[in-house]
Amino acid sequence: MTAQHLAPPITEQDHVQGSDAAAVTLIEYGDFECPVCGRAYPVLKRVKQRLGKRLRFVFRHFPIADIHPHAEPAAEAAESVAEHGGPRAFWAMHDLMFEHQSALDDPSLARYAVEAGVDGTAVLDDLETSRYRERVRDNFMSGVRSGVNGTPTLFIDGIRYDGPRDEETLVAALDLVASHSP
């Protein structure tokens, strides 16, 4: 079996933490309502802290709406927050939604938006008009083209990673790839 590769490259539309010059890139296709993504969130947070500047982390939306009814609106709310408040606001919203997965209804999303530093009413207006639905669907389709069939799906330097998701193993895998980078 051949390794699955990330179909679309990382662009300015992506949500990125870390430098383009980092030794290794980890991409997550995630769903804010997915319980497995919720369990992966603190692990990935610790991995990012451990690798520091050697890691570039990218998050792409892959809401599985037929199982998680709040996933798509949550992803759209994250995009709205990013548009209104920039990258810091997006990552604050990202963290708040993973930390409060059981409360992703519209009033909660508006409250998290305010905590992330943007106008909650503006986010609700964007949800009402589906302003960011196409962007979320573009992320989803990029995942489909990359072979994503569930969440979370991880790619290390563009190659799908299906190994263990514990902190030590993931750090070791990222270190290994980083040590072989030019």
C-alpha atoms as a PDB file:
ATOM      1  CA  MET A   1       0.000   0.000   0.000  1.00  0.00           C
ATOM      2  CA  THR A   2       1.333   3.444  -0.889  1.00  0.00           C
ATOM      3  CA  ALA A   3       1.318   6.372   1.481  1.00  0.00           C
ATOM      4  CA  GLN A   4      -1.455   8.907   1.070  1.00  0.00           C
ATOM      5  CA  HIS A   5      -0.227  12.386   0.264  1.00  0.00           C
ATOM      6  CA  LEU A   6      -1.746  15.733   1.079  1.00  0.00           C
ATOM      7  CA  ALA A   7      -3.487  16.812  -2.123  1.00  0.00           C
ATOM      8  CA  PRO A   8      -3.612  20.606  -1.803  1.00  0.00           C
ATOM      9  CA  PRO A   9      -0.502  22.415  -0.616  1.00  0.00           C
ATOM     10  CA  ILE A  10      -0.585  24.752   2.349  1.00  0.00           C
ATOM     11  CA  THR A  11      -1.748  28.222   1.306  1.00  0.00           C
ATOM     12  CA  GLU A  12      -2.488  31.588   2.893  1.00  0.00           C
ATOM     13  CA  GLN A  13      -6.068  30.352   3.415  1.00  0.00           C
ATOM     14  CA  ASP A  14      -4.836  27.768   5.933  1.00  0.00           C
ATOM     15  CA  HIS A  15      -4.698  28.289   9.675  1.00  0.00           C
ATOM     16  CA  VAL A  16      -1.038  27.961  10.618  1.00  0.00           C
ATOM     17  CA  GLN A  17       0.933  28.119  13.843  1.00  0.00           C
ATOM     18  CA  GLY A  18       4.680  28.312  13.393  1.00  0.00           C
ATOM     19  CA  SER A  19       7.067  29.324  10.679  1.00  0.00           C
ATOM     20  CA  ASP A  20       7.230  28.171   7.078  1.00  0.00           C
ATOM     21  CA  ALA A  21      10.905  27.512   7.851  1.00  0.00           C
ATOM     22  CA  ALA A  22      10.079  25.006  10.635  1.00  0.00           C
ATOM     23  CA  ALA A  23      11.827  21.644  10.370  1.00  0.00           C
ATOM     24  CA  VAL A  24       8.560  19.685  10.148  1.00  0.00           C
ATOM     25  CA  THR A  25       4.873  20.356   9.430  1.00  0.00           C
ATOM     26  CA  LEU A  26       1.947  18.603  11.094  1.00  0.00           C
ATOM     27  CA  ILE A  27      -1.477  19.020   9.493  1.00  0.00           C
ATOM     28  CA  GLU A  28      -4.672  18.014  11.249  1.00  0.00           C
ATOM     29  CA  TYR A  29      -7.998  17.550   9.539  1.00  0.00           C
ATOM     30  CA  GLY A  30     -10.380  17.933  12.452  1.00  0.00           C
ATOM     31  CA  ASP A  31     -13.994  18.212  13.534  1.00  0.00           C
ATOM     32  CA  PHE A  32     -14.762  20.414  16.552  1.00  0.00           C
ATOM     33  CA  GLU A  33     -17.536  18.076  17.744  1.00  0.00           C
ATOM     34  CA  CYS A  34     -15.621  14.811  17.238  1.00  0.00           C
ATOM     35  CA  PRO A  35     -14.844  13.160  20.594  1.00  0.00           C
ATOM     36  CA  VAL A  36     -11.663  11.561  19.205  1.00  0.00           C
ATOM     37  CA  CYS A  37     -10.481  15.021  18.071  1.00  0.00           C
ATOM     38  CA  GLY A  38     -11.347  16.268  21.536  1.00  0.00           C
ATOM     39  CA  ARG A  39      -9.096  13.621  23.090  1.00  0.00           C
ATOM     40  CA  ALA A  40      -6.332  14.397  20.575  1.00  0.00           C
ATOM     41  CA  TYR A  41      -6.484  18.142  21.263  1.00  0.00           C
ATOM     42  CA  PRO A  42      -4.493  18.168  24.556  1.00  0.00           C
ATOM     43  CA  VAL A  43      -1.989  15.681  23.121  1.00  0.00           C
ATOM     44  CA  LEU A  44      -1.403  17.862  20.061  1.00  0.00           C
ATOM     45  CA  LYS A  45      -1.135  20.933  22.279  1.00  0.00           C
ATOM     46  CA  ARG A  46       1.654  19.282  24.306  1.00  0.00           C
ATOM     47  CA  VAL A  47       3.373  18.083  21.110  1.00  0.00           C
ATOM     48  CA  LYS A  48       3.341  21.669  19.786  1.00  0.00           C
ATOM     49  CA  GLN A  49       4.830  22.925  23.051  1.00  0.00           C
ATOM     50  CA  ARG A  50       7.559  20.277  23.046  1.00  0.00           C
ATOM     51  CA  LEU A  51       8.626  20.860  19.455  1.00  0.00           C
ATOM     52  CA  GLY A  52       8.366  24.628  19.694  1.00  0.00           C
ATOM     53  CA  LYS A  53       9.828  26.494  16.718  1.00  0.00           C
ATOM     54  CA  ARG A  54      10.778  23.252  14.973  1.00  0.00           C
ATOM     55  CA  LEU A  55       7.078  22.578  14.246  1.00  0.00           C
ATOM     56  CA  ARG A  56       4.591  24.232  11.915  1.00  0.00           C
ATOM     57  CA  PHE A  57       1.021  23.156  12.750  1.00  0.00           C
ATOM     58  CA  VAL A  58      -1.879  23.506  10.312  1.00  0.00           C
ATOM     59  CA  PHE A  59      -5.551  22.934  11.095  1.00  0.00           C
ATOM     60  CA  ARG A  60      -8.092  22.197   8.368  1.00  0.00           C
ATOM     61  CA  HIS A  61     -11.803  21.641   8.840  1.00  0.00           C
ATOM     62  CA  PHE A  62     -13.330  18.238   8.211  1.00  0.00           C
ATOM     63  CA  PRO A  63     -16.787  18.452   9.823  1.00  0.00           C
ATOM     64  CA  ILE A  64     -18.639  15.151   9.702  1.00  0.00           C
ATOM     65  CA  ALA A  65     -22.057  16.763   9.759  1.00  0.00           C
ATOM     66  CA  ASP A  66     -24.144  13.593   9.527  1.00  0.00           C
ATOM     67  CA  ILE A  67     -22.725  12.424  12.878  1.00  0.00           C
ATOM     68  CA  HIS A  68     -21.886  15.788  14.484  1.00  0.00           C
ATOM     69  CA  PRO A  69     -24.670  18.319  13.806  1.00  0.00           C
ATOM     70  CA  HIS A  70     -22.766  21.233  15.379  1.00  0.00           C
ATOM     71  CA  ALA A  71     -19.467  20.564  13.587  1.00  0.00           C
ATOM     72  CA  GLU A  72     -20.150  22.554  10.430  1.00  0.00           C
ATOM     73  CA  PRO A  73     -21.525  25.650  12.219  1.00  0.00           C
ATOM     74  CA  ALA A  74     -18.564  25.465  14.622  1.00  0.00           C
ATOM     75  CA  ALA A  75     -16.142  25.390  11.682  1.00  0.00           C
ATOM     76  CA  GLU A  76     -17.971  28.301  10.053  1.00  0.00           C
ATOM     77  CA  ALA A  77     -17.832  30.223  13.344  1.00  0.00           C
ATOM     78  CA  ALA A  78     -14.073  29.618  13.523  1.00  0.00           C
ATOM     79  CA  GLU A  79     -13.709  31.035  10.001  1.00  0.00           C
ATOM     80  CA  SER A  80     -15.812  34.045  10.935  1.00  0.00           C
ATOM     81  CA  VAL A  81     -13.692  34.670  14.020  1.00  0.00           C
ATOM     82  CA  ALA A  82     -10.534  34.392  11.894  1.00  0.00           C
ATOM     83  CA  GLU A  83     -11.893  36.934   9.430  1.00  0.00           C
ATOM     84  CA  HIS A  84     -12.956  39.394  12.138  1.00  0.00           C
ATOM     85  CA  GLY A  85     -10.034  38.912  14.514  1.00  0.00           C
ATOM     86  CA  GLY A  86      -7.118  37.354  12.670  1.00  0.00           C
ATOM     87  CA  PRO A  87      -4.980  34.302  13.463  1.00  0.00           C
ATOM     88  CA  ARG A  88      -4.775  34.805  17.232  1.00  0.00           C
ATOM     89  CA  ALA A  89      -8.553  34.983  17.471  1.00  0.00           C
ATOM     90  CA  PHE A  90      -8.908  31.850  15.301  1.00  0.00           C
ATOM     91  CA  TRP A  91      -6.592  29.832  17.566  1.00  0.00           C
ATOM     92  CA  ALA A  92      -8.344  31.106  20.686  1.00  0.00           C
ATOM     93  CA  MET A  93     -11.683  30.035  19.171  1.00  0.00           C
ATOM     94  CA  HIS A  94     -10.182  26.681  18.114  1.00  0.00           C
ATOM     95  CA  ASP A  95      -9.057  26.017  21.687  1.00  0.00           C
ATOM     96  CA  LEU A  96     -12.337  27.154  23.269  1.00  0.00           C
ATOM     97  CA  MET A  97     -14.415  24.895  21.028  1.00  0.00           C
ATOM     98  CA  PHE A  98     -12.255  21.843  21.702  1.00  0.00           C
ATOM     99  CA  GLU A  99     -12.301  22.608  25.423  1.00  0.00           C
ATOM    100  CA  HIS A 100     -16.112  22.922  25.404  1.00  0.00           C
ATOM    101  CA  GLN A 101     -17.181  20.347  22.818  1.00  0.00           C
ATOM    102  CA  SER A 102     -20.455  19.625  24.582  1.00  0.00           C
ATOM    103  CA  ALA A 103     -21.624  23.234  24.070  1.00  0.00           C
ATOM    104  CA  LEU A 104     -21.377  24.158  20.400  1.00  0.00           C
ATOM    105  CA  ASP A 105     -24.824  25.676  19.900  1.00  0.00           C
ATOM    106  CA  ASP A 106     -25.041  29.148  18.364  1.00  0.00           C
ATOM    107  CA  PRO A 107     -25.252  31.088  21.668  1.00  0.00           C
ATOM    108  CA  SER A 108     -22.161  29.244  22.927  1.00  0.00           C
ATOM    109  CA  LEU A 109     -20.300  29.937  19.670  1.00  0.00           C
ATOM    110  CA  ALA A 110     -21.130  33.649  20.038  1.00  0.00           C
ATOM    111  CA  ARG A 111     -19.850  33.592  23.639  1.00  0.00           C
ATOM    112  CA  TYR A 112     -16.593  31.891  22.578  1.00  0.00           C
ATOM    113  CA  ALA A 113     -16.191  34.458  19.796  1.00  0.00           C
ATOM    114  CA  VAL A 114     -16.376  37.243  22.375  1.00  0.00           C
ATOM    115  CA  GLU A 115     -13.816  35.409  24.536  1.00  0.00           C
ATOM    116  CA  ALA A 116     -11.618  35.157  21.409  1.00  0.00           C
ATOM    117  CA  GLY A 117     -11.860  38.931  21.014  1.00  0.00           C
ATOM    118  CA  VAL A 118     -14.464  39.466  18.300  1.00  0.00           C
ATOM    119  CA  ASP A 119     -18.093  40.578  18.116  1.00  0.00           C
ATOM    120  CA  GLY A 120     -20.314  37.568  18.816  1.00  0.00           C
ATOM    121  CA  THR A 121     -23.237  39.158  16.964  1.00  0.00           C
ATOM    122  CA  ALA A 122     -21.126  39.464  13.812  1.00  0.00           C
ATOM    123  CA  VAL A 123     -20.292  35.748  14.048  1.00  0.00           C
ATOM    124  CA  LEU A 124     -23.981  34.873  14.469  1.00  0.00           C
ATOM    125  CA  ASP A 125     -24.790  37.037  11.432  1.00  0.00           C
ATOM    126  CA  ASP A 126     -22.153  35.167   9.422  1.00  0.00           C
ATOM    127  CA  LEU A 127     -23.641  31.841  10.544  1.00  0.00           C
ATOM    128  CA  GLU A 128     -27.132  33.008   9.588  1.00  0.00           C
ATOM    129  CA  THR A 129     -25.990  33.893   6.064  1.00  0.00           C
ATOM    130  CA  SER A 130     -23.674  30.852   5.715  1.00  0.00           C
ATOM    131  CA  ARG A 131     -20.922  33.303   4.798  1.00  0.00           C
ATOM    132  CA  TYR A 132     -18.091  30.802   5.396  1.00  0.00           C
ATOM    133  CA  ARG A 133     -19.819  27.560   4.408  1.00  0.00           C
ATOM    134  CA  GLU A 134     -17.978  27.391   1.080  1.00  0.00           C
ATOM    135  CA  ARG A 135     -14.578  27.844   2.752  1.00  0.00           C
ATOM    136  CA  VAL A 136     -15.366  25.027   5.201  1.00  0.00           C
ATOM    137  CA  ARG A 137     -16.538  22.820   2.332  1.00  0.00           C
ATOM    138  CA  ASP A 138     -13.336  23.590   0.422  1.00  0.00           C
ATOM    139  CA  ASN A 139     -11.350  22.343   3.443  1.00  0.00           C
ATOM    140  CA  PHE A 140     -13.533  19.248   3.598  1.00  0.00           C
ATOM    141  CA  MET A 141     -13.070  18.500  -0.109  1.00  0.00           C
ATOM    142  CA  SER A 142      -9.302  18.996   0.168  1.00  0.00           C
ATOM    143  CA  GLY A 143      -9.424  16.317   2.853  1.00  0.00           C
ATOM    144  CA  VAL A 144     -11.426  13.996   0.611  1.00  0.00           C
ATOM    145  CA  ARG A 145      -8.850  14.510  -2.178  1.00  0.00           C
ATOM    146  CA  SER A 146      -6.120  13.688   0.352  1.00  0.00           C
ATOM    147  CA  GLY A 147      -7.797  10.436   1.432  1.00  0.00           C
ATOM    148  CA  VAL A 148      -9.235  11.711   4.712  1.00  0.00           C
ATOM    149  CA  ASN A 149     -12.116   9.501   5.781  1.00  0.00           C
ATOM    150  CA  GLY A 150     -12.401  10.324   9.479  1.00  0.00           C
ATOM    151  CA  THR A 151     -11.133  12.651  12.153  1.00  0.00           C
ATOM    152  CA  PRO A 152      -8.631  13.454  13.321  1.00  0.00           C
ATOM    153  CA  THR A 153      -6.452  12.678  10.317  1.00  0.00           C
ATOM    154  CA  LEU A 154      -2.838  13.774  10.534  1.00  0.00           C
ATOM    155  CA  PHE A 155      -0.212  14.422   7.863  1.00  0.00           C
ATOM    156  CA  ILE A 156       3.482  14.861   8.622  1.00  0.00           C
ATOM    157  CA  ASP A 157       5.247  16.833   5.896  1.00  0.00           C
ATOM    158  CA  GLY A 158       2.438  15.932   3.521  1.00  0.00           C
ATOM    159  CA  ILE A 159       2.390  12.167   4.202  1.00  0.00           C
ATOM    160  CA  ARG A 160      -0.557  10.666   6.060  1.00  0.00           C
ATOM    161  CA  TYR A 161       0.370   9.506   9.565  1.00  0.00           C
ATOM    162  CA  ASP A 162      -1.682   6.569  10.855  1.00  0.00           C
ATOM    163  CA  GLY A 163       0.612   5.607  13.738  1.00  0.00           C
ATOM    164  CA  PRO A 164      -0.081   5.826  17.460  1.00  0.00           C
ATOM    165  CA  ARG A 165      -1.407   9.184  18.640  1.00  0.00           C
ATOM    166  CA  ASP A 166       0.168   9.301  22.073  1.00  0.00           C
ATOM    167  CA  GLU A 167       2.466  12.222  22.825  1.00  0.00           C
ATOM    168  CA  GLU A 168       5.754  10.295  22.954  1.00  0.00           C
ATOM    169  CA  THR A 169       5.223   8.392  19.698  1.00  0.00           C
ATOM    170  CA  LEU A 170       4.004  11.451  17.830  1.00  0.00           C
ATOM    171  CA  VAL A 171       6.954  13.547  19.041  1.00  0.00           C
ATOM    172  CA  ALA A 172       9.340  10.737  18.011  1.00  0.00           C
ATOM    173  CA  ALA A 173       7.767  10.542  14.530  1.00  0.00           C
ATOM    174  CA  LEU A 174       7.966  14.311  14.073  1.00  0.00           C
ATOM    175  CA  ASP A 175      11.564  14.374  15.358  1.00  0.00           C
ATOM    176  CA  LEU A 176      12.497  11.615  12.940  1.00  0.00           C
ATOM    177  CA  VAL A 177      11.064  13.486   9.950  1.00  0.00           C
ATOM    178  CA  ALA A 178      12.592  16.772  11.146  1.00  0.00           C
ATOM    179  CA  SER A 179      16.029  15.145  11.421  1.00  0.00           C
ATOM    180  CA  HIS A 180      15.840  14.107   7.760  1.00  0.00           C
ATOM    181  CA  SER A 181      14.710  17.496   6.483  1.00  0.00           C
ATOM    182  CA  PRO A 182      17.129  19.439   4.301  1.00  0.00           C
END
